[in-house]
Protein backbone atom coordinates (compact mmCIF):
# COMPACT_ATOMS: atom_id res chain seq x y z
CA MET A 1 41.05 -25.42 7.21
CA PHE A 2 43.77 -26.01 4.11
CA GLY A 3 45.62 -29.19 3.08
CA ARG A 4 42.83 -31.66 3.69
CA GLY A 5 42.30 -32.82 0.11
CA GLU A 6 42.11 -30.51 -2.73
CA VAL A 7 39.11 -29.01 -3.86
CA LYS A 8 38.75 -26.84 -6.85
CA ILE A 9 36.23 -23.92 -7.15
CA TYR A 10 35.37 -22.97 -10.52
CA PHE A 11 34.17 -19.12 -9.81
CA VAL A 12 31.91 -18.08 -12.92
CA ARG A 13 30.13 -14.67 -13.86
CA HIS A 14 26.51 -15.01 -15.64
CA GLY A 15 26.17 -14.75 -19.03
CA GLU A 16 25.30 -11.41 -20.56
CA SER A 17 21.90 -9.98 -19.13
CA GLU A 18 19.40 -7.81 -20.34
CA ALA A 19 20.57 -5.21 -17.52
CA ASN A 20 23.99 -5.47 -19.07
CA LEU A 21 22.51 -3.85 -21.99
CA LEU A 22 20.65 -1.22 -20.50
CA ARG A 23 23.39 -0.46 -18.09
CA GLU A 24 21.02 -0.59 -15.19
CA PHE A 25 21.68 -1.21 -11.45
CA SER A 26 19.50 -4.43 -11.08
CA ASN A 27 20.57 -6.55 -7.94
CA ARG A 28 17.48 -7.11 -6.46
CA GLY A 29 14.79 -9.28 -6.96
CA PHE A 30 14.30 -11.29 -10.26
CA LYS A 31 13.88 -8.93 -13.16
CA HIS A 32 16.58 -9.00 -15.93
CA GLY A 33 17.05 -12.42 -17.35
CA LEU A 34 20.01 -13.34 -20.01
CA THR A 35 20.00 -11.88 -23.62
CA ALA A 36 20.22 -14.55 -26.66
CA ARG A 37 23.91 -13.70 -26.49
CA GLY A 38 23.91 -14.75 -22.90
CA LEU A 39 22.42 -17.67 -23.37
CA GLN A 40 24.78 -18.43 -26.36
CA GLN A 41 27.61 -17.87 -23.82
CA VAL A 42 26.23 -20.36 -21.08
CA LYS A 43 25.58 -22.95 -23.55
CA GLN A 44 29.59 -22.77 -24.93
CA LEU A 45 30.63 -22.74 -21.30
CA ALA A 46 28.56 -25.74 -20.70
CA ARG A 47 30.30 -27.33 -23.78
CA ASP A 48 33.71 -26.17 -22.21
CA LEU A 49 33.24 -27.85 -19.02
CA GLU A 50 31.46 -31.13 -20.09
CA GLY A 51 33.46 -34.19 -18.65
CA ILE A 52 34.29 -32.21 -15.85
CA PRO A 53 32.76 -34.00 -12.53
CA PHE A 54 31.00 -31.31 -10.10
CA ALA A 55 30.03 -32.20 -6.89
CA GLN A 56 27.46 -29.24 -6.91
CA ILE A 57 26.29 -25.77 -8.57
CA TYR A 58 25.96 -22.75 -6.35
CA THR A 59 24.26 -19.85 -7.67
CA SER A 60 23.31 -16.34 -6.86
CA PRO A 61 19.54 -15.60 -6.49
CA ILE A 62 19.21 -13.00 -8.94
CA LYS A 63 17.76 -13.95 -12.31
CA ARG A 64 20.61 -13.88 -14.33
CA THR A 65 22.81 -15.99 -12.56
CA PHE A 66 20.09 -18.55 -11.43
CA GLN A 67 19.38 -18.97 -15.26
CA THR A 68 23.07 -19.55 -16.11
CA ALA A 69 22.91 -22.39 -13.06
CA GLN A 70 20.10 -23.79 -14.24
CA ILE A 71 21.46 -24.16 -17.84
CA LEU A 72 24.57 -25.62 -16.62
CA GLY A 73 23.20 -27.91 -13.97
CA GLU A 74 20.80 -29.47 -16.80
CA TRP A 75 24.04 -29.96 -19.09
CA LEU A 76 26.32 -30.84 -16.71
CA ASN A 77 23.79 -33.27 -14.63
CA CYS A 78 24.89 -31.45 -11.64
CA PRO A 79 22.31 -30.19 -8.68
CA VAL A 80 21.86 -26.57 -8.59
CA GLU A 81 21.51 -24.88 -4.92
CA VAL A 82 20.89 -21.15 -4.41
CA ALA A 83 23.35 -19.15 -2.08
CA ASP A 84 22.54 -15.87 -0.95
CA ALA A 85 26.21 -15.53 -0.30
CA LEU A 86 27.04 -15.39 -4.11
CA ARG A 87 24.30 -12.47 -4.95
CA GLU A 88 25.64 -9.27 -6.35
CA PHE A 89 26.39 -6.31 -3.95
CA ASP A 90 23.25 -4.27 -2.96
CA CYS A 91 23.07 -0.82 -4.48
CA GLY A 92 20.70 0.66 -2.58
CA GLU A 93 19.36 4.04 -3.85
CA LEU A 94 20.72 3.13 -7.35
CA GLU A 95 18.83 0.37 -8.07
CA GLY A 96 16.69 0.42 -11.24
CA LYS A 97 18.97 3.49 -12.31
CA SER A 98 21.26 3.71 -15.27
CA ASP A 99 21.97 7.40 -15.51
CA PHE A 100 25.63 8.68 -15.81
CA GLY A 101 25.35 10.10 -12.26
CA SER A 102 24.54 7.00 -10.45
CA TRP A 103 27.53 5.26 -11.97
CA GLU A 104 29.67 8.24 -10.85
CA ILE A 105 28.14 7.34 -7.52
CA TYR A 106 28.78 3.70 -7.71
CA ASP A 107 32.48 4.17 -9.03
CA GLY A 108 33.06 6.77 -6.18
CA VAL A 109 32.15 4.14 -3.39
CA PHE A 110 34.23 1.63 -5.57
CA ARG A 111 37.26 3.73 -5.07
CA GLN A 112 36.76 4.25 -1.14
CA TRP A 113 36.60 0.18 -0.86
CA VAL A 114 39.74 0.08 -3.10
CA ALA A 115 41.54 2.77 -0.89
CA GLY A 116 40.36 0.63 2.16
CA ASN A 117 37.42 2.55 3.57
CA TRP A 118 35.28 -0.80 3.82
CA ALA A 119 32.38 0.95 5.73
CA ALA A 120 31.59 3.09 2.81
CA ARG A 121 28.42 2.50 0.86
CA ILE A 122 25.92 3.37 -1.54
CA PRO A 123 23.03 5.31 0.57
CA GLY A 124 20.97 2.22 1.30
CA GLY A 125 23.21 -0.39 0.16
CA GLU A 126 25.73 -2.87 1.47
CA SER A 127 29.15 -1.97 2.99
CA HIS A 128 32.13 -3.97 1.82
CA LEU A 129 32.22 -5.25 5.46
CA GLU A 130 28.76 -6.88 4.93
CA ILE A 131 29.79 -8.39 1.77
CA GLN A 132 32.93 -9.89 3.47
CA GLY A 133 30.34 -10.98 6.07
CA ARG A 134 28.30 -13.22 3.92
CA PHE A 135 30.75 -14.08 0.86
CA ILE A 136 34.06 -15.19 3.03
CA PRO A 137 32.31 -17.38 5.68
CA PHE A 138 30.53 -19.10 2.65
CA ILE A 139 33.92 -20.06 0.77
CA HIS A 140 35.51 -21.18 4.06
CA GLY A 141 32.53 -23.37 4.53
CA LEU A 142 32.57 -25.17 1.17
CA ILE A 143 36.60 -25.82 1.91
CA GLN A 144 35.51 -27.50 5.07
CA LYS A 145 32.54 -29.50 3.28
CA TYR A 146 34.23 -30.47 0.21
CA ARG A 147 37.24 -33.33 -0.07
CA ASP A 148 38.97 -33.66 -3.43
CA GLU A 149 35.94 -32.07 -5.45
CA ASN A 150 35.38 -29.62 -8.36
CA ILE A 151 32.43 -26.87 -6.87
CA LEU A 152 30.70 -24.37 -9.73
CA LEU A 153 29.91 -20.97 -8.24
CA VAL A 154 27.84 -18.58 -10.46
CA GLY A 155 28.05 -15.17 -9.12
CA HIS A 156 28.84 -11.49 -10.31
CA GLY A 157 31.39 -9.57 -11.36
CA GLY A 158 31.27 -6.59 -8.59
CA THR A 159 30.98 -9.11 -5.72
CA TYR A 160 34.05 -11.22 -7.20
CA ARG A 161 36.20 -8.24 -7.63
CA CYS A 162 35.38 -7.19 -3.96
CA MET A 163 36.16 -10.00 -2.56
CA PHE A 164 38.93 -12.32 -4.55
CA PRO A 165 41.78 -10.15 -2.85
CA LEU A 166 40.60 -11.40 0.28
CA VAL A 167 40.27 -14.94 -0.13
CA ILE A 168 42.89 -15.47 -2.93
CA THR A 169 46.27 -15.66 -2.07
CA ASN A 170 47.61 -14.57 -5.56
CA LEU A 171 44.88 -12.04 -6.72
CA ASP A 172 45.69 -8.61 -5.00
CA LEU A 173 44.16 -5.42 -5.87
CA ASP A 174 46.90 -4.51 -8.32
CA THR A 175 46.57 -7.81 -9.99
CA LEU A 176 42.98 -7.57 -10.45
CA SER A 177 43.06 -4.37 -11.70
CA GLU A 178 44.65 -5.59 -14.87
CA LEU A 179 42.08 -8.50 -15.26
CA ASN A 180 38.97 -8.82 -16.74
CA ILE A 181 35.71 -10.44 -15.39
CA ASP A 182 34.15 -11.74 -18.92
CA HIS A 183 30.71 -13.17 -18.94
CA THR A 184 30.95 -16.98 -18.29
CA MET A 185 34.79 -16.85 -18.09
CA PRO A 186 35.84 -19.75 -15.45
CA MET A 187 38.10 -18.70 -12.79
CA ILE A 188 39.59 -21.73 -11.38
CA VAL A 189 41.22 -21.82 -7.59
CA GLU A 190 42.48 -24.61 -5.93
CA THR A 191 43.28 -25.12 -2.17
CA ARG A 192 46.92 -25.30 -1.34
CA PRO A 193 48.41 -25.70 2.28
CA ASP A 194 48.93 -21.92 2.44
CA GLY A 195 45.18 -20.89 1.11
CA LEU A 196 43.48 -20.68 -2.13
CA PHE A 197 45.32 -20.35 -5.31
CA CYS A 198 43.92 -19.28 -8.75
CA THR A 199 45.36 -21.46 -11.30
CA HIS A 200 43.62 -20.20 -14.31
CA TRP A 201 41.78 -16.75 -15.38
CA GLY A 202 40.02 -17.66 -18.67
CA LYS A 203 42.58 -19.08 -20.80
CA PHE A 204 45.51 -17.56 -19.17
CA ALA A 205 47.30 -19.81 -16.69
CA PHE A 206 49.01 -18.64 -13.49
CA ASP A 207 52.18 -20.14 -12.18
C-alpha cells in the first residue's frame, strides 16, 4: 500500500461554527453553519494554502465542514467531493443537547474508547468500531488512488482524535492528549514506506 509515490494529506478541522458557541451536539443534518469568525478562519487558511496544488478536496457532509470546503475549493480552484466517511461521529440521543449532563455522558464514552472499549457508544450513537469501519478504509482508498499528489480533507475534531492513532504511525494516544485540534489548523501527513507520518501539526513540525 505504501511506497508507491508520496501522497500528502492535509487534515483540516472546519471553521468555528454556531454549534461550537452553543456547545450543542450537532452531528446530524445540515443545521449549524460557520460563524463570522469561522468564515474569517477559513479565508485565512485559503490564503495560507494558496499555491499548493491540490488534486481533490474531500469534506464531511455536515454544514460547517461543507461550508469550509466550498470556500477552500473556490479559493484554491479545486474540486470538492462529499465523503460520508469524514462526518463527525453520531452522538445518538445527545443530538441537539448542550447541557452539562450530556457532556458528562459524552466524556464518559470517550474515556471508555481511550481505555480500549471500542464497542462502547452513546445510546443511539456510533461505536468506535463503527467509526473505524468507515474512516480507515476511506484513508486507505485515498492512498491507493493518488500518487505524488496533495489531498485536502475537511472533517471534525472528534473523529480525527479517535482515528489518528490508528492510521498515523507517530501519533499515539499520549501524544494526541498533549495536542489541540484547532479550527482550520492544517495537520499534514505523508506516506512513508512504514505508513502514514504526521510532519506538521499547525506550526509545529515533527522530526
